[in-house]
Amino acid sequence: MLSFIIPAHNEAASIAGCIEAIQRSVTPLGKPYEIIVVNDASTDETAIIAEKHGAKVISVTHRHIAATRNSGGHAAQGEILFFIDADTWINSRYLQSALDALEKRAAGGGGVPAFDKPLPFWFYLGYPIFWLGVHLLKQPGGSSLYCTRAAFIATGGFNETYYAAEDALFVSALKKQGRFVLAGTVLTSGRKARTYSLWYFIRTLFTVGIRGPKGLKSRQDLDIWYDSKRE
């Protein structure tokens, strides 16, 4: 069985599209699967919409992305786990490539995010650097990650000491369990680039950088990741 785990906080506008993209991608494979939406303290209709679209909903009140992902991972029944952000849309090519990699004994991998438009001009200038870094470091971010259940258990899941960068730490831990394979491209929302200014991004990264790893161990100054503001 394949388990698709979607952490979600106030994602009523995006959750249906995310679930439908998973369904379109996996149905032709004829494999059993489940979709688990981990509804983390939403105040909108995220849970209602997810259930209407056939997902199993688990309600938590973590407001902590690592803990929310782990709740879904521990509840999943599948031997292969996909962690998909609620504003991300996977495709059949990515899914098949991921399964092929796992068949060849990879421990896990991820999808390289492409971002929906429109996007501000500064984003187009920075994206080539981002793309190069993802491929050189094999650090795709958290929009779409996959692994075997055995690898998830062996790593201890996402590090709940951190409120951000938990995806990068999880990827590093997966690499110690075996090969990590970038399985293609997934489409994810560019809403953060549309919602926050370049100056806000620079100021946040500078503030977090000055504080070092300690700055990632609380939600202070991490509004880019935890603010409920939507477009």
Protein backbone atom coordinates (compact mmCIF):
# COMPACT_ATOMS: atom_id res chain seq x y z
CA MET A 1 0.00 0.00 0.00
CA LEU A 2 1.02 3.58 -0.71
CA SER A 3 0.29 6.19 1.96
CA PHE A 4 0.04 9.86 1.01
CA ILE A 5 0.33 12.14 4.02
CA ILE A 6 -0.74 15.77 3.73
CA PRO A 7 -0.08 18.14 6.65
CA ALA A 8 -2.61 20.97 6.53
CA HIS A 9 -3.44 24.15 8.42
CA ASN A 10 -6.18 26.33 6.92
CA GLU A 11 -5.75 24.87 3.44
CA ALA A 12 -9.39 24.97 2.31
CA ALA A 13 -8.40 26.69 -0.93
CA SER A 14 -5.75 24.12 -1.89
CA ILE A 15 -6.56 20.77 -0.31
CA ALA A 16 -9.02 19.55 -2.96
CA GLY A 17 -6.52 20.14 -5.77
CA CYS A 18 -3.77 18.37 -3.86
CA ILE A 19 -5.95 15.30 -3.21
CA GLU A 20 -7.25 15.18 -6.79
CA ALA A 21 -3.70 15.32 -8.18
CA ILE A 22 -2.74 12.34 -6.02
CA GLN A 23 -5.80 10.41 -7.15
CA ARG A 24 -5.12 11.12 -10.83
CA SER A 25 -1.51 10.05 -10.44
CA VAL A 26 -2.00 6.82 -8.50
CA THR A 27 -5.24 5.38 -9.92
CA PRO A 28 -3.71 4.14 -13.22
CA LEU A 29 -1.14 2.13 -11.25
CA GLY A 30 -3.81 -0.10 -9.75
CA LYS A 31 -2.08 -0.11 -6.37
CA PRO A 32 -3.92 0.15 -3.05
CA TYR A 33 -3.43 3.53 -1.46
CA GLU A 34 -4.67 5.85 1.24
CA ILE A 35 -4.65 9.62 1.57
CA ILE A 36 -4.28 10.99 5.09
CA VAL A 37 -4.84 14.68 5.76
CA VAL A 38 -3.38 15.70 9.10
CA ASN A 39 -5.56 18.67 9.96
CA ASP A 40 -3.52 20.81 12.32
CA ALA A 41 -5.78 23.26 14.19
CA SER A 42 -7.50 24.56 11.07
CA THR A 43 -10.25 27.13 11.56
CA ASP A 44 -11.60 26.83 8.02
CA GLU A 45 -13.22 23.94 6.10
CA THR A 46 -10.01 22.02 5.38
CA ALA A 47 -11.22 18.85 7.12
CA ILE A 48 -14.70 18.92 5.55
CA ILE A 49 -13.32 19.36 2.04
CA ALA A 50 -10.70 16.65 2.55
CA GLU A 51 -13.30 14.13 3.71
CA LYS A 52 -15.59 14.96 0.78
CA HIS A 53 -12.71 14.15 -1.54
CA GLY A 54 -12.11 10.74 -0.01
CA ALA A 55 -9.24 11.44 2.37
CA LYS A 56 -8.96 10.15 5.90
CA VAL A 57 -8.67 13.11 8.27
CA ILE A 58 -6.66 13.07 11.48
CA SER A 59 -7.06 16.13 13.69
CA VAL A 60 -4.13 17.42 15.76
CA THR A 61 -3.25 20.71 17.45
CA HIS A 62 0.52 20.77 17.08
CA ARG A 63 1.09 23.90 14.94
CA HIS A 64 4.46 22.30 14.40
CA ILE A 65 5.09 20.93 10.92
CA ALA A 66 7.52 18.19 11.99
CA ALA A 67 5.10 16.84 14.59
CA THR A 68 2.19 17.07 12.15
CA ARG A 69 4.04 15.08 9.49
CA ASN A 70 5.09 12.51 12.07
CA SER A 71 1.49 12.07 13.24
CA GLY A 72 0.55 11.17 9.69
CA GLY A 73 3.53 8.90 9.23
CA HIS A 74 2.76 6.91 12.37
CA ALA A 75 -0.92 6.58 11.45
CA ALA A 76 -0.21 5.42 7.90
CA GLN A 77 -0.77 1.79 6.94
CA GLY A 78 1.41 1.72 3.83
CA GLU A 79 4.94 0.42 3.38
CA ILE A 80 5.75 3.41 1.17
CA LEU A 81 5.13 6.91 2.51
CA PHE A 82 4.73 10.12 0.52
CA PHE A 83 4.70 13.42 2.40
CA ILE A 84 2.97 15.99 0.20
CA ASP A 85 2.36 19.62 1.17
CA ALA A 86 -1.26 20.72 0.86
CA ASP A 87 -0.38 23.34 -1.77
CA THR A 88 1.53 20.87 -3.96
CA TRP A 89 0.32 18.86 -6.95
CA ILE A 90 2.17 15.68 -7.85
CA ASN A 91 1.97 13.95 -11.23
CA SER A 92 2.10 10.39 -12.54
CA ARG A 93 5.64 10.70 -13.90
CA TYR A 94 6.98 11.76 -10.52
CA LEU A 95 5.07 9.00 -8.75
CA GLN A 96 6.26 6.27 -11.11
CA SER A 97 9.88 7.49 -10.90
CA ALA A 98 9.70 7.44 -7.09
CA LEU A 99 8.35 3.88 -7.07
CA ASP A 100 11.02 2.78 -9.54
CA ALA A 101 13.72 4.24 -7.29
CA LEU A 102 12.34 2.42 -4.25
CA GLU A 103 12.14 -0.80 -6.25
CA LYS A 104 15.88 -0.38 -6.85
CA ARG A 105 16.50 -0.16 -3.09
CA ALA A 106 16.56 3.60 -2.61
CA ALA A 107 15.67 4.69 0.92
CA GLY A 108 13.71 7.67 -0.30
CA GLY A 109 13.77 10.85 -2.31
CA GLY A 110 11.80 13.89 -3.29
CA GLY A 111 10.42 16.04 -6.06
CA VAL A 112 12.05 19.20 -7.39
CA PRO A 113 9.50 22.00 -6.90
CA ALA A 114 8.39 24.17 -9.78
CA PHE A 115 6.18 27.08 -8.74
CA ASP A 116 2.83 28.19 -10.12
CA LYS A 117 2.51 31.65 -11.58
CA PRO A 118 2.36 34.58 -11.42
CA LEU A 119 5.61 35.19 -9.59
CA PRO A 120 7.45 38.43 -8.78
CA PHE A 121 10.42 39.34 -10.95
CA TRP A 122 12.98 38.72 -8.20
CA PHE A 123 11.85 35.11 -7.91
CA TYR A 124 12.77 34.42 -11.54
CA LEU A 125 16.26 35.76 -10.84
CA GLY A 126 16.75 33.49 -7.83
CA TYR A 127 15.12 30.29 -9.09
CA PRO A 128 18.09 29.07 -11.23
CA ILE A 129 20.30 29.25 -8.14
CA PHE A 130 17.68 27.40 -6.13
CA TRP A 131 17.33 24.73 -8.86
CA LEU A 132 21.10 24.23 -9.02
CA GLY A 133 21.35 23.95 -5.25
CA VAL A 134 18.57 21.36 -5.11
CA HIS A 135 20.37 19.15 -7.64
CA LEU A 136 23.87 19.58 -6.27
CA LEU A 137 22.91 19.06 -2.64
CA LYS A 138 19.90 16.78 -3.27
CA GLN A 139 17.88 18.92 -0.88
CA PRO A 140 14.49 19.53 -2.55
CA GLY A 141 12.66 21.01 0.42
CA GLY A 142 9.53 19.57 1.95
CA SER A 143 6.87 20.03 -0.74
CA SER A 144 7.10 16.36 -1.74
CA LEU A 145 9.22 13.71 -0.05
CA TYR A 146 8.93 9.92 -0.09
CA CYS A 147 10.54 6.99 1.70
CA THR A 148 10.00 3.43 2.81
CA ARG A 149 8.32 2.82 6.13
CA ALA A 150 11.51 1.13 7.33
CA ALA A 151 13.55 4.26 6.54
CA PHE A 152 11.00 6.51 8.25
CA ILE A 153 11.19 4.42 11.41
CA ALA A 154 14.98 4.14 11.27
CA THR A 155 15.42 7.93 11.05
CA GLY A 156 12.93 8.60 13.83
CA GLY A 157 10.86 10.66 11.41
CA PHE A 158 11.02 14.44 11.23
CA ASN A 159 13.03 16.09 13.98
CA GLU A 160 10.51 17.71 16.31
CA THR A 161 13.18 19.82 17.98
CA TYR A 162 12.97 22.15 14.98
CA TYR A 163 10.10 24.30 13.72
CA ALA A 164 11.77 24.85 10.34
CA ALA A 165 14.45 23.05 8.28
CA GLU A 166 13.01 19.77 9.59
CA ASP A 167 12.65 18.65 5.98
CA ALA A 168 16.36 19.17 5.28
CA LEU A 169 17.28 17.26 8.45
CA PHE A 170 14.95 14.42 7.43
CA VAL A 171 16.55 14.25 3.99
CA SER A 172 20.01 14.10 5.57
CA ALA A 173 18.84 11.30 7.84
CA LEU A 174 17.35 9.38 4.90
CA LYS A 175 20.66 9.57 3.04
CA LYS A 176 22.26 7.64 5.88
CA GLN A 177 19.76 4.83 5.29
CA GLY A 178 20.43 4.48 1.57
CA ARG A 179 20.23 6.28 -1.77
CA PHE A 180 18.18 9.46 -2.01
CA VAL A 181 16.69 10.01 -5.47
CA LEU A 182 15.21 13.15 -7.00
CA ALA A 183 12.27 11.64 -8.89
CA GLY A 184 11.29 14.53 -11.13
CA THR A 185 9.35 17.76 -10.78
CA VAL A 186 6.21 18.59 -8.81
CA LEU A 187 4.18 21.78 -8.99
CA THR A 188 3.83 23.76 -5.80
CA SER A 189 2.34 27.09 -4.88
CA GLY A 190 4.32 30.27 -5.26
CA ARG A 191 2.00 31.98 -2.80
CA LYS A 192 4.74 32.84 -0.32
CA ALA A 193 6.62 34.75 -3.03
CA ARG A 194 3.38 36.54 -3.92
CA THR A 195 2.43 37.24 -0.30
CA TYR A 196 5.75 38.34 1.17
CA SER A 197 8.21 40.86 -0.23
CA LEU A 198 11.82 40.10 -1.12
CA TRP A 199 12.87 42.34 1.76
CA TYR A 200 10.78 40.26 4.18
CA PHE A 201 12.48 37.07 2.98
CA ILE A 202 15.94 38.60 3.36
CA ARG A 203 15.16 39.98 6.81
CA THR A 204 13.77 36.62 8.01
CA LEU A 205 16.70 34.61 6.68
CA PHE A 206 19.17 37.09 8.15
CA THR A 207 17.46 37.00 11.55
CA VAL A 208 17.35 33.21 11.61
CA GLY A 209 20.93 33.00 10.35
CA ILE A 210 22.21 35.28 13.11
CA ARG A 211 20.50 33.14 15.76
CA GLY A 212 21.86 29.92 14.25
CA PRO A 213 20.18 26.52 14.81
CA LYS A 214 18.66 27.89 18.03
CA GLY A 215 16.58 30.21 15.85
CA LEU A 216 14.82 27.21 14.31
CA LYS A 217 13.79 25.69 17.62
CA SER A 218 10.86 28.03 18.26
CA ARG A 219 8.21 29.65 16.07
CA GLN A 220 9.54 33.13 16.80
CA ASP A 221 10.35 34.99 13.52
CA LEU A 222 9.15 32.02 11.44
CA ASP A 223 5.94 33.59 10.15
CA ILE A 224 6.82 32.65 6.57
CA TRP A 225 6.25 29.03 7.60
CA TYR A 226 3.54 29.44 10.25
CA ASP A 227 1.49 32.52 9.43
CA SER A 228 -2.07 31.62 8.41
CA LYS A 229 -2.12 34.52 5.94
CA ARG A 230 -3.24 33.38 2.49
CA GLU A 231 -3.50 35.09 -0.88
